[in-house]
Amino acid sequence: MVSRADDDNGRGREINRREFLHGAMAGAAVFALRERPAGSVVVPVQGDAVTAQIAAQHDATVKMLQDWIAFPSIAAENRGYPQGAEYMAGLATAAGFQHVEIVPTKGKPGVFATLDSGAATSLALYFMYDVKQFDPAEWSSPPLEARLVDRPGLGKVIVGRGATNTKGPQVACLAALHAFKAAGRKLPVNLVLVAEGEEEIGSPNFSQLVLKPEVEAALRKCVGIIIPLGNQDPDGSVQVNLGAKGIVELELVSTGEMWGRGPKLDVHSSLEAQLDSPVWHLVQALNTLVGPDGHTPAVAGFFDRVRPLSEAHKAILEAAIPRRNEAATKKSLGVERWFKDESWHDSLVRLVSQPTINIEGLVAGYTGPGGKTILPHRAVAKIDMRLVPDMTALGTLDLLKAHLARHGFGDIEVNMTGGYDPTETSPDSRLVQAQLAAYRAAGLDPVLWPRLAGSWPGVTFTGAPLRMAAGQYGLRHGGGAHAPDEYFVIESANPKVAGMDGAVRSYVEFFRAIA
């Protein structure tokens, strides 16, 4: 295990732009450490040529992010295609990738790129160029303008769709490549980039990109793959995840036509007295999916393949929980209680170890101003199911279909729109150890965490046939993913939290650590 706060050359690490701008000087090979308060990050008094370029290119990096946010690709709305892939390819080319290729799939195109620096080690990067939908009326700042906004307690942030999920972290990673290029220095690693445009709809065609023979061959040369993320909490703590939950995204559709009862077209609501309602039919079906607590999945067999946490993961979890801030988490989520009024400890165990069935949205009939007295003929529920090892996406989908049929709801259409299995990576892998080393070199004490409660298609890499190590990496804080007023910190008010330049630097140091 790596435990030093410096690398082998004794170089300290910074993550605060304001402090760095006062101290970075090009050409120096050795860093001297400034006296610092306990718990603050390591700040160099001098920096190498690459680090100096990070500060010099700060404005260009911010503009890169603003320009990309202004150019959205939204798979669910078929918006920004194929232009989104072309834009992603242009970003890769500008960052120094020598081979950049747009790869068609049955859905949205992907991007495959390679950067050969002649290094002994190769690392893969996973990017997504698509973002979630948005309603501008819900935002305090226009979602595509990427305005710089002062946010109390956080500092200066960019507000925009995709700012934190995940264009901000991806720009920080690309900016690190620009810094190496501007400094005239070779990257210490070779890079393989795979980027998709359908992550936000469950990556239904991603394997077509990854398993293309030349892409698979390039990935097989890599020690692992990371997805850039802003992994810092507002208090500056940073987390290294050893996996992520899988997901099934689907629609449940109830119609009078498929049911054979109720209207086949919207009719006057007075007819509810003599007709069945497809909307109530869907509501009754949804009610069978969870138990009396309105929370615990009640689908038969749902927990049969859930693998309990290993003793090693239990130990990791128990060591990490005391370092998590309950009050700060409740504040950021806008909640007062955990499910069943459980303790903070038990709620975190549940977060890591339990699969879920969630209603994302319900749509039926008229939802505009005033009333419109109709009996709708159609109702739709958007559902996601989060999966833990050893559950599978297709197996869980079959359980749901069987459950509905068994309870008299076999007429309800079940349309899976995307999904994938859970992912896991060993804490002893070179990839995880390099993450820990890079964070510690920045003066941080990372929290090792068994499993991200969110999902990404990491199983495409960790599963057969590649069986690679995979994880998330990157400094800086962001919030509001999938929600209004999504943001990413540019200049941090907290010296423990990275700003844009610190985020860029974190990738420079990770490339060095993995090499």
Protein backbone atom coordinates (compact mmCIF):
# COMPACT_ATOMS: atom_id res chain seq x y z
CA MET A 1 0.00 0.00 0.00
CA VAL A 2 1.18 3.53 -0.81
CA SER A 3 1.11 5.84 2.19
CA ARG A 4 3.36 8.79 1.36
CA ALA A 5 1.95 12.24 0.65
CA ASP A 6 4.66 12.84 -1.99
CA ASP A 7 5.78 10.88 -5.02
CA ASP A 8 9.21 9.31 -5.42
CA ASN A 9 10.71 12.65 -6.44
CA GLY A 10 9.40 14.33 -3.32
CA ARG A 11 6.93 16.48 -5.24
CA GLY A 12 3.95 17.82 -3.33
CA ARG A 13 0.50 18.14 -4.85
CA GLU A 14 -1.93 21.08 -5.01
CA ILE A 15 -5.62 21.26 -5.70
CA ASN A 16 -6.42 24.92 -5.05
CA ARG A 17 -6.01 27.23 -8.02
CA ARG A 18 -5.59 30.48 -6.10
CA GLU A 19 -2.73 29.06 -3.99
CA PHE A 20 -1.17 27.42 -7.01
CA LEU A 21 -1.11 30.59 -9.09
CA HIS A 22 1.05 32.21 -6.44
CA GLY A 23 3.47 29.32 -6.30
CA ALA A 24 3.82 27.49 -9.61
CA MET A 25 7.00 28.11 -11.59
CA ALA A 26 7.90 26.36 -14.83
CA GLY A 27 11.03 24.25 -15.13
CA ALA A 28 11.63 23.30 -11.50
CA ALA A 29 11.92 19.57 -10.85
CA VAL A 30 11.55 19.62 -7.09
CA PHE A 31 8.74 20.93 -4.90
CA ALA A 32 9.23 22.46 -1.47
CA LEU A 33 6.25 22.17 0.84
CA ARG A 34 4.75 25.21 2.53
CA GLU A 35 3.79 25.02 6.17
CA ARG A 36 0.12 24.13 6.18
CA PRO A 37 -2.67 23.64 8.70
CA ALA A 38 -3.49 20.08 9.63
CA GLY A 39 -5.88 18.54 7.13
CA SER A 40 -5.29 21.01 4.31
CA VAL A 41 -3.99 19.89 0.95
CA VAL A 42 -0.36 19.80 -0.08
CA VAL A 43 0.51 22.99 -2.00
CA PRO A 44 3.72 23.27 -4.06
CA VAL A 45 5.84 26.38 -3.91
CA GLN A 46 7.32 25.43 -7.28
CA GLY A 47 6.01 23.35 -10.14
CA ASP A 48 7.19 21.51 -13.24
CA ALA A 49 6.52 22.62 -16.81
CA VAL A 50 3.32 20.58 -17.13
CA THR A 51 1.87 21.96 -13.91
CA ALA A 52 2.68 25.49 -14.99
CA GLN A 53 0.69 24.98 -18.17
CA ILE A 54 -2.41 24.04 -16.16
CA ALA A 55 -2.58 27.54 -14.70
CA ALA A 56 -1.64 29.18 -18.00
CA GLN A 57 -4.50 27.40 -19.76
CA HIS A 58 -7.10 27.92 -17.04
CA ASP A 59 -9.34 30.26 -19.06
CA ALA A 60 -9.12 28.04 -22.14
CA THR A 61 -10.09 25.02 -20.03
CA VAL A 62 -13.13 26.78 -18.60
CA LYS A 63 -14.18 27.87 -22.09
CA MET A 64 -13.76 24.30 -23.37
CA LEU A 65 -16.28 23.19 -20.76
CA GLN A 66 -18.68 26.06 -21.46
CA ASP A 67 -18.60 25.40 -25.20
CA TRP A 68 -19.26 21.70 -24.71
CA ILE A 69 -22.17 22.31 -22.35
CA ALA A 70 -23.68 24.61 -24.98
CA PHE A 71 -23.64 21.70 -27.45
CA PRO A 72 -25.81 18.96 -25.89
CA SER A 73 -26.50 15.44 -27.10
CA ILE A 74 -29.59 13.90 -25.49
CA ALA A 75 -30.21 10.31 -26.52
CA ALA A 76 -33.74 10.14 -25.11
CA GLU A 77 -34.75 13.05 -27.33
CA ASN A 78 -32.60 12.09 -30.32
CA ARG A 79 -31.04 15.53 -30.02
CA GLY A 80 -27.54 16.37 -31.19
CA TYR A 81 -26.76 13.29 -33.28
CA PRO A 82 -24.49 12.58 -35.09
CA GLN A 83 -23.06 16.02 -34.23
CA GLY A 84 -22.37 14.98 -30.63
CA ALA A 85 -20.04 12.19 -31.72
CA GLU A 86 -18.34 14.55 -34.17
CA TYR A 87 -17.83 17.09 -31.37
CA MET A 88 -16.39 14.40 -29.10
CA ALA A 89 -14.03 13.30 -31.87
CA GLY A 90 -12.89 16.91 -32.30
CA LEU A 91 -12.13 17.21 -28.59
CA ALA A 92 -10.06 14.03 -28.69
CA THR A 93 -8.12 15.22 -31.74
CA ALA A 94 -7.40 18.59 -30.14
CA ALA A 95 -6.13 16.84 -26.99
CA GLY A 96 -3.50 14.94 -28.96
CA PHE A 97 -5.05 11.56 -29.82
CA GLN A 98 -3.40 10.44 -33.05
CA HIS A 99 -6.11 8.01 -34.16
CA VAL A 100 -9.72 9.18 -33.76
CA GLU A 101 -12.60 7.23 -35.25
CA ILE A 102 -16.38 7.58 -35.12
CA VAL A 103 -17.84 4.08 -34.78
CA PRO A 104 -21.44 3.43 -35.91
CA THR A 105 -23.70 1.25 -33.74
CA LYS A 106 -27.34 0.20 -33.99
CA GLY A 107 -28.07 3.33 -31.97
CA LYS A 108 -25.97 6.45 -31.45
CA PRO A 109 -22.37 6.40 -32.70
CA GLY A 110 -19.40 5.93 -30.41
CA VAL A 111 -15.88 7.32 -30.59
CA PHE A 112 -12.65 5.29 -30.42
CA ALA A 113 -9.30 7.05 -30.09
CA THR A 114 -5.71 6.14 -29.23
CA LEU A 115 -2.75 8.18 -28.07
CA ASP A 116 0.59 6.40 -28.34
CA SER A 117 3.32 8.18 -26.36
CA GLY A 118 5.75 5.28 -26.53
CA ALA A 119 5.18 4.51 -22.84
CA ALA A 120 5.44 1.08 -21.25
CA THR A 121 1.95 1.34 -19.70
CA SER A 122 -1.44 1.86 -21.37
CA LEU A 123 -4.56 3.20 -19.64
CA ALA A 124 -8.12 3.31 -20.99
CA LEU A 125 -10.59 6.17 -20.55
CA TYR A 126 -14.38 5.88 -20.67
CA PHE A 127 -16.26 9.03 -21.74
CA MET A 128 -19.95 9.69 -22.32
CA TYR A 129 -20.82 12.60 -24.58
CA ASP A 130 -24.57 12.51 -23.89
CA VAL A 131 -26.43 14.26 -21.08
CA LYS A 132 -29.83 14.06 -19.40
CA GLN A 133 -32.91 15.96 -20.52
CA PHE A 134 -33.77 19.30 -18.92
CA ASP A 135 -36.64 21.77 -18.51
CA PRO A 136 -35.23 25.33 -18.66
CA ALA A 137 -38.16 26.59 -16.56
CA GLU A 138 -36.79 24.64 -13.58
CA TRP A 139 -33.33 26.24 -13.73
CA SER A 140 -32.16 29.47 -12.07
CA SER A 141 -29.50 29.78 -14.79
CA PRO A 142 -30.08 28.68 -18.43
CA PRO A 143 -28.92 25.06 -18.68
CA LEU A 144 -26.94 25.53 -21.90
CA GLU A 145 -25.30 28.87 -21.13
CA ALA A 146 -22.82 27.41 -18.60
CA ARG A 147 -22.69 30.61 -16.57
CA LEU A 148 -20.11 31.15 -13.87
CA VAL A 149 -22.06 31.67 -10.66
CA ASP A 150 -20.97 32.41 -7.09
CA ARG A 151 -22.39 29.69 -4.86
CA PRO A 152 -22.20 30.38 -1.08
CA GLY A 153 -20.01 27.87 0.69
CA LEU A 154 -18.69 26.40 -2.57
CA GLY A 155 -17.11 29.27 -4.49
CA LYS A 156 -17.40 29.98 -8.21
CA VAL A 157 -19.20 27.22 -10.12
CA ILE A 158 -20.35 26.53 -13.65
CA VAL A 159 -24.08 25.84 -13.86
CA GLY A 160 -25.23 23.80 -16.83
CA ARG A 161 -26.53 20.46 -17.99
CA GLY A 162 -23.63 18.02 -18.00
CA ALA A 163 -21.44 20.25 -15.83
CA THR A 164 -20.72 17.48 -13.33
CA ASN A 165 -22.21 14.48 -15.14
CA THR A 166 -19.78 14.24 -16.74
CA LYS A 167 -18.49 16.95 -19.06
CA GLY A 168 -16.70 18.85 -16.29
CA PRO A 169 -14.56 15.91 -15.16
CA GLN A 170 -13.95 14.87 -18.76
CA VAL A 171 -12.76 18.37 -19.69
CA ALA A 172 -10.40 18.31 -16.69
CA CYS A 173 -8.96 15.04 -18.00
CA LEU A 174 -8.58 16.44 -21.53
CA ALA A 175 -7.02 19.62 -20.14
CA ALA A 176 -4.31 17.49 -18.52
CA LEU A 177 -3.42 16.20 -22.00
CA HIS A 178 -3.33 19.77 -23.30
CA ALA A 179 -0.94 20.68 -20.48
CA PHE A 180 1.49 17.90 -21.40
CA LYS A 181 1.32 18.91 -25.05
CA ALA A 182 1.83 22.64 -24.34
CA ALA A 183 4.78 21.84 -22.08
CA GLY A 184 6.41 19.71 -24.79
CA ARG A 185 6.35 16.66 -22.50
CA LYS A 186 5.31 13.15 -23.42
CA LEU A 187 2.53 11.50 -21.48
CA PRO A 188 3.86 8.84 -19.10
CA VAL A 189 1.13 6.48 -20.36
CA ASN A 190 -0.47 5.52 -23.66
CA LEU A 191 -4.22 6.14 -23.75
CA VAL A 192 -7.20 4.35 -25.28
CA LEU A 193 -10.45 6.33 -25.31
CA VAL A 194 -13.93 4.87 -25.78
CA ALA A 195 -16.85 7.33 -25.72
CA GLU A 196 -20.54 6.59 -26.08
CA GLY A 197 -23.62 8.70 -26.65
CA GLU A 198 -26.23 6.53 -24.93
CA GLU A 199 -25.15 6.24 -21.30
CA GLU A 200 -28.15 8.20 -20.11
CA ILE A 201 -30.53 5.65 -21.67
CA GLY A 202 -28.73 2.61 -20.25
CA SER A 203 -25.98 2.06 -22.86
CA PRO A 204 -28.02 -0.35 -25.02
CA ASN A 205 -25.44 -0.49 -27.84
CA PHE A 206 -22.16 0.22 -26.06
CA SER A 207 -20.80 -3.32 -26.40
CA GLN A 208 -20.86 -2.91 -30.18
CA LEU A 209 -18.20 -0.23 -29.79
CA VAL A 210 -16.09 -1.97 -27.14
CA LEU A 211 -16.12 -5.39 -28.80
CA LYS A 212 -15.19 -4.13 -32.25
CA PRO A 213 -12.00 -6.17 -32.90
CA GLU A 214 -9.53 -3.27 -33.09
CA VAL A 215 -11.10 -1.58 -30.05
CA GLU A 216 -11.06 -4.76 -27.98
CA ALA A 217 -7.44 -5.39 -28.99
CA ALA A 218 -6.42 -1.91 -27.85
CA LEU A 219 -8.25 -2.29 -24.54
CA ARG A 220 -6.55 -5.62 -23.83
CA LYS A 221 -3.23 -3.76 -23.64
CA CYS A 222 -4.48 -1.50 -20.82
CA VAL A 223 -3.95 -1.97 -17.08
CA GLY A 224 -7.47 -0.71 -16.47
CA ILE A 225 -10.04 1.92 -17.34
CA ILE A 226 -11.41 4.97 -15.51
CA ILE A 227 -14.42 7.19 -15.96
CA PRO A 228 -13.52 10.78 -14.98
CA LEU A 229 -15.72 11.99 -12.12
CA GLY A 230 -15.66 14.78 -9.54
CA ASN A 231 -15.31 12.52 -6.52
CA GLN A 232 -14.98 15.10 -3.72
CA ASP A 233 -17.69 15.89 -1.20
CA PRO A 234 -18.16 19.53 -0.12
CA ASP A 235 -15.97 18.86 2.94
CA GLY A 236 -13.08 17.80 0.69
CA SER A 237 -13.22 14.06 1.36
CA VAL A 238 -12.69 11.82 -1.64
CA GLN A 239 -13.90 8.29 -2.29
CA VAL A 240 -12.43 5.36 -4.24
CA ASN A 241 -15.15 2.92 -5.28
CA LEU A 242 -14.46 -0.76 -5.84
CA GLY A 243 -17.47 -1.23 -8.10
CA ALA A 244 -20.90 0.07 -9.01
CA LYS A 245 -24.45 -1.20 -9.04
CA GLY A 246 -25.98 -2.39 -12.28
CA ILE A 247 -29.25 -1.08 -13.64
CA VAL A 248 -32.33 -1.98 -15.66
CA GLU A 249 -34.24 0.95 -17.16
CA LEU A 250 -37.71 0.22 -18.47
CA GLU A 251 -41.23 1.45 -19.13
CA LEU A 252 -44.44 -0.17 -17.91
CA VAL A 253 -47.30 0.73 -20.25
CA SER A 254 -50.97 0.12 -19.46
CA THR A 255 -53.50 0.64 -22.28
CA GLY A 256 -57.14 -0.17 -22.78
CA GLU A 257 -56.26 -1.85 -26.05
CA MET A 258 -53.69 -4.28 -24.57
CA TRP A 259 -55.76 -4.88 -21.44
CA GLY A 260 -58.96 -5.52 -23.35
CA ARG A 261 -60.78 -3.41 -20.77
CA GLY A 262 -61.32 0.33 -20.46
CA PRO A 263 -61.31 2.78 -23.39
CA LYS A 264 -59.03 2.60 -26.44
CA LEU A 265 -59.16 6.41 -26.67
CA ASP A 266 -59.50 9.09 -23.99
CA VAL A 267 -63.15 9.50 -23.03
CA HIS A 268 -65.17 11.76 -20.70
CA SER A 269 -64.42 11.11 -17.03
CA SER A 270 -68.10 10.63 -16.20
CA LEU A 271 -67.79 7.25 -17.89
CA GLU A 272 -65.53 6.07 -15.05
CA ALA A 273 -68.81 4.89 -13.50
CA GLN A 274 -69.18 2.16 -16.13
CA LEU A 275 -65.65 1.65 -17.51
CA ASP A 276 -62.36 0.26 -16.22
CA SER A 277 -59.37 2.62 -15.94
CA PRO A 278 -56.00 1.67 -17.47
CA VAL A 279 -54.42 4.24 -15.14
CA TRP A 280 -55.71 2.60 -11.97
CA HIS A 281 -54.70 -0.73 -13.48
CA LEU A 282 -51.11 0.49 -13.72
CA VAL A 283 -51.19 1.95 -10.20
CA GLN A 284 -52.39 -1.38 -8.83
CA ALA A 285 -49.61 -3.19 -10.70
CA LEU A 286 -46.99 -0.82 -9.32
CA ASN A 287 -48.25 -1.40 -5.81
CA THR A 288 -47.42 -5.10 -6.08
CA LEU A 289 -43.74 -4.40 -6.84
CA VAL A 290 -42.91 -3.36 -3.27
CA GLY A 291 -43.93 -4.52 0.16
CA PRO A 292 -46.21 -2.79 2.69
CA ASP A 293 -43.36 -0.42 3.61
CA GLY A 294 -43.58 1.09 0.11
CA HIS A 295 -39.88 0.45 -0.34
CA THR A 296 -38.67 -3.17 -0.18
CA PRO A 297 -38.88 -5.02 -3.53
CA ALA A 298 -41.60 -7.70 -3.42
CA VAL A 299 -40.88 -9.36 -6.78
CA ALA A 300 -40.51 -13.10 -6.21
CA GLY A 301 -36.88 -14.20 -6.49
CA PHE A 302 -35.58 -10.62 -6.52
CA PHE A 303 -33.10 -11.27 -3.69
CA ASP A 304 -32.22 -14.86 -4.60
CA ARG A 305 -29.02 -13.94 -6.46
CA VAL A 306 -27.96 -11.10 -4.16
CA ARG A 307 -24.47 -11.93 -2.96
CA PRO A 308 -23.92 -10.79 0.64
CA LEU A 309 -21.05 -8.43 1.28
CA SER A 310 -17.80 -10.32 1.71
CA GLU A 311 -15.91 -10.10 4.97
CA ALA A 312 -13.34 -7.94 3.19
CA HIS A 313 -16.01 -5.55 1.92
CA LYS A 314 -17.64 -5.45 5.36
CA ALA A 315 -14.30 -4.46 6.86
CA ILE A 316 -13.80 -1.75 4.22
CA LEU A 317 -17.32 -0.45 4.86
CA GLU A 318 -16.96 -0.41 8.64
CA ALA A 319 -13.69 1.48 8.36
CA ALA A 320 -15.22 4.02 5.98
CA ILE A 321 -18.59 4.78 7.60
CA PRO A 322 -17.18 6.77 10.57
CA ARG A 323 -15.51 9.07 8.03
CA ARG A 324 -18.76 9.91 6.22
CA ASN A 325 -20.60 13.10 7.24
CA GLU A 326 -24.27 12.46 7.93
CA ALA A 327 -25.30 16.08 8.49
CA ALA A 328 -23.60 17.28 5.30
CA THR A 329 -25.19 14.46 3.31
CA LYS A 330 -28.67 15.22 4.61
CA LYS A 331 -28.19 18.88 3.78
CA SER A 332 -27.00 18.19 0.24
CA LEU A 333 -29.91 15.80 -0.39
CA GLY A 334 -32.52 17.98 1.28
CA VAL A 335 -33.72 15.17 3.55
CA GLU A 336 -34.35 14.80 7.28
CA ARG A 337 -34.61 11.03 7.74
CA TRP A 338 -33.39 7.76 6.31
CA PHE A 339 -35.73 4.92 5.37
CA LYS A 340 -37.47 3.44 8.44
CA ASP A 341 -35.62 6.04 10.54
CA GLU A 342 -32.55 3.81 10.33
CA SER A 343 -29.25 4.94 11.75
CA TRP A 344 -26.68 6.58 9.49
CA HIS A 345 -24.60 3.40 9.73
CA ASP A 346 -27.45 1.07 8.71
CA SER A 347 -28.59 3.36 5.90
CA LEU A 348 -25.09 3.28 4.38
CA VAL A 349 -24.93 -0.51 4.63
CA ARG A 350 -28.28 -0.61 2.82
CA LEU A 351 -27.05 1.88 0.19
CA VAL A 352 -24.11 -0.35 -0.68
CA SER A 353 -25.67 -3.81 -0.36
CA GLN A 354 -29.34 -3.58 -1.39
CA PRO A 355 -30.99 -3.73 -4.83
CA THR A 356 -33.91 -1.37 -5.47
CA ILE A 357 -37.02 -0.80 -7.58
CA ASN A 358 -37.64 2.90 -8.18
CA ILE A 359 -40.40 4.84 -9.93
CA GLU A 360 -38.68 7.57 -11.97
CA GLY A 361 -41.89 9.06 -13.29
CA LEU A 362 -45.60 8.52 -13.96
CA VAL A 363 -47.38 9.91 -17.01
CA ALA A 364 -51.09 9.60 -17.76
CA GLY A 365 -53.84 11.77 -19.15
CA TYR A 366 -53.89 15.53 -18.82
CA THR A 367 -51.26 17.33 -16.71
CA GLY A 368 -51.63 20.95 -17.90
CA PRO A 369 -53.26 23.98 -16.22
CA GLY A 370 -56.69 23.54 -14.72
CA GLY A 371 -58.70 20.36 -15.12
CA LYS A 372 -59.61 18.28 -18.13
CA THR A 373 -62.16 15.71 -17.12
CA ILE A 374 -61.08 12.65 -19.07
CA LEU A 375 -60.66 8.96 -18.46
CA PRO A 376 -57.23 8.30 -20.04
CA HIS A 377 -56.76 5.24 -22.19
CA ARG A 378 -53.00 4.99 -21.54
CA ALA A 379 -50.60 5.28 -18.59
CA VAL A 380 -46.83 4.89 -18.44
CA ALA A 381 -44.46 4.36 -15.53
CA LYS A 382 -40.71 4.90 -15.90
CA ILE A 383 -38.90 2.39 -13.71
CA ASP A 384 -35.29 1.69 -12.81
CA MET A 385 -33.98 -1.28 -10.86
CA ARG A 386 -30.51 -1.06 -9.30
CA LEU A 387 -28.66 -4.36 -9.11
CA VAL A 388 -25.91 -5.76 -6.90
CA PRO A 389 -23.66 -8.78 -7.56
CA ASP A 390 -24.63 -11.51 -8.61
CA MET A 391 -27.86 -10.14 -10.13
CA THR A 392 -28.07 -9.72 -13.90
CA ALA A 393 -30.03 -7.18 -15.90
CA LEU A 394 -31.80 -9.70 -18.14
CA GLY A 395 -32.46 -12.12 -15.31
CA THR A 396 -34.02 -9.39 -13.17
CA LEU A 397 -36.15 -8.23 -16.11
CA ASP A 398 -37.51 -11.78 -16.47
CA LEU A 399 -38.40 -11.84 -12.77
CA LEU A 400 -40.36 -8.60 -13.14
CA LYS A 401 -42.30 -9.89 -16.15
CA ALA A 402 -43.14 -13.15 -14.37
CA HIS A 403 -44.27 -11.24 -11.29
CA LEU A 404 -46.66 -9.04 -13.27
CA ALA A 405 -48.16 -12.04 -15.07
CA ARG A 406 -48.58 -13.97 -11.82
CA HIS A 407 -50.45 -11.05 -10.24
CA GLY A 408 -52.86 -10.57 -13.14
CA PHE A 409 -50.99 -7.81 -14.95
CA GLY A 410 -49.57 -9.78 -17.87
CA ASP A 411 -51.17 -7.35 -20.29
CA ILE A 412 -48.93 -4.49 -19.17
CA GLU A 413 -46.16 -3.87 -21.68
CA VAL A 414 -42.63 -4.12 -20.27
CA ASN A 415 -40.20 -2.25 -22.49
CA MET A 416 -36.55 -2.38 -21.39
CA THR A 417 -34.77 0.70 -22.73
CA GLY A 418 -31.29 -0.08 -21.43
CA GLY A 419 -29.24 -1.58 -18.64
CA TYR A 420 -26.27 -3.68 -17.60
CA ASP A 421 -24.95 -5.84 -14.79
CA PRO A 422 -23.05 -4.67 -11.66
CA THR A 423 -19.28 -4.22 -11.72
CA GLU A 424 -16.47 -5.03 -9.27
CA THR A 425 -12.71 -4.39 -9.09
CA SER A 426 -10.20 -5.69 -6.55
CA PRO A 427 -8.72 -3.18 -4.08
CA ASP A 428 -5.34 -4.78 -4.83
CA SER A 429 -5.51 -3.95 -8.53
CA ARG A 430 -2.90 -1.65 -10.00
CA LEU A 431 -5.69 0.74 -11.01
CA VAL A 432 -7.08 1.16 -7.50
CA GLN A 433 -3.62 1.43 -5.95
CA ALA A 434 -2.70 4.18 -8.42
CA GLN A 435 -5.87 6.10 -7.50
CA LEU A 436 -5.05 5.86 -3.81
CA ALA A 437 -1.46 6.94 -4.46
CA ALA A 438 -2.48 9.97 -6.55
CA TYR A 439 -5.01 11.16 -3.97
CA ARG A 440 -2.54 10.73 -1.12
CA ALA A 441 0.05 12.65 -3.13
CA ALA A 442 -2.45 15.54 -3.13
CA GLY A 443 -2.45 15.49 0.67
CA LEU A 444 -5.79 13.68 0.88
CA ASP A 445 -6.74 10.52 2.76
CA PRO A 446 -9.15 8.74 0.38
CA VAL A 447 -12.08 6.68 1.65
CA LEU A 448 -12.15 3.18 0.17
CA TRP A 449 -15.78 2.26 -0.54
CA PRO A 450 -17.17 -1.14 -1.57
CA ARG A 451 -19.62 -0.02 -4.25
CA LEU A 452 -20.98 3.11 -5.89
CA ALA A 453 -24.76 3.21 -5.47
CA GLY A 454 -25.07 4.73 -8.93
CA SER A 455 -24.40 2.91 -12.16
CA TRP A 456 -22.17 3.08 -15.22
CA PRO A 457 -21.48 0.40 -17.85
CA GLY A 458 -18.22 -0.68 -16.24
CA VAL A 459 -19.23 -4.34 -16.54
CA THR A 460 -18.58 -4.01 -20.28
CA PHE A 461 -14.91 -3.91 -19.23
CA THR A 462 -14.83 -5.93 -15.98
CA GLY A 463 -16.94 -8.75 -17.41
CA ALA A 464 -16.13 -11.23 -20.15
CA PRO A 465 -14.24 -11.14 -22.39
CA LEU A 466 -12.01 -8.25 -21.24
CA ARG A 467 -12.08 -8.69 -17.44
CA MET A 468 -10.29 -5.39 -16.83
CA ALA A 469 -10.01 -3.34 -13.67
CA ALA A 470 -12.38 -0.36 -13.81
CA GLY A 471 -13.20 2.62 -11.61
CA GLN A 472 -13.96 6.31 -11.26
CA TYR A 473 -11.33 8.96 -10.64
CA GLY A 474 -10.91 12.72 -10.27
CA LEU A 475 -10.80 15.60 -7.82
CA ARG A 476 -13.30 18.43 -7.56
CA HIS A 477 -16.88 18.69 -6.35
CA GLY A 478 -20.08 18.95 -8.35
CA GLY A 479 -23.77 18.39 -7.75
CA GLY A 480 -27.25 18.33 -9.24
CA ALA A 481 -26.63 15.47 -11.65
CA HIS A 482 -29.86 14.71 -13.54
CA ALA A 483 -31.50 17.64 -11.73
CA PRO A 484 -31.99 21.39 -12.27
CA ASP A 485 -29.04 23.73 -11.58
CA GLU A 486 -26.39 21.05 -12.10
CA TYR A 487 -23.01 22.55 -11.21
CA PHE A 488 -19.26 21.96 -11.10
CA VAL A 489 -16.80 23.90 -8.93
CA ILE A 490 -14.34 26.09 -10.84
CA GLU A 491 -12.76 28.14 -8.02
CA SER A 492 -13.26 26.55 -4.64
CA ALA A 493 -14.04 28.47 -1.45
CA ASN A 494 -12.75 25.48 0.55
CA PRO A 495 -8.98 24.86 0.33
CA LYS A 496 -9.67 21.15 0.79
CA VAL A 497 -11.76 21.00 -2.40
CA ALA A 498 -10.18 21.18 -5.84
CA GLY A 499 -11.06 23.89 -8.31
CA MET A 500 -10.70 23.45 -12.06
CA ASP A 501 -6.89 23.58 -12.02
CA GLY A 502 -6.68 21.14 -9.14
CA ALA A 503 -8.98 18.77 -10.99
CA VAL A 504 -6.73 18.96 -14.06
CA ARG A 505 -3.69 18.35 -11.90
CA SER A 506 -5.28 15.27 -10.38
CA TYR A 507 -5.24 13.62 -13.81
CA VAL A 508 -1.63 14.63 -14.41
CA GLU A 509 -0.70 12.93 -11.16
CA PHE A 510 -2.85 9.89 -11.85
CA PHE A 511 -1.17 9.35 -15.21
CA ARG A 512 2.17 9.48 -13.40
CA ALA A 513 1.00 7.16 -10.65
CA ILE A 514 -0.41 4.50 -13.00
CA ALA A 515 2.83 4.59 -15.01
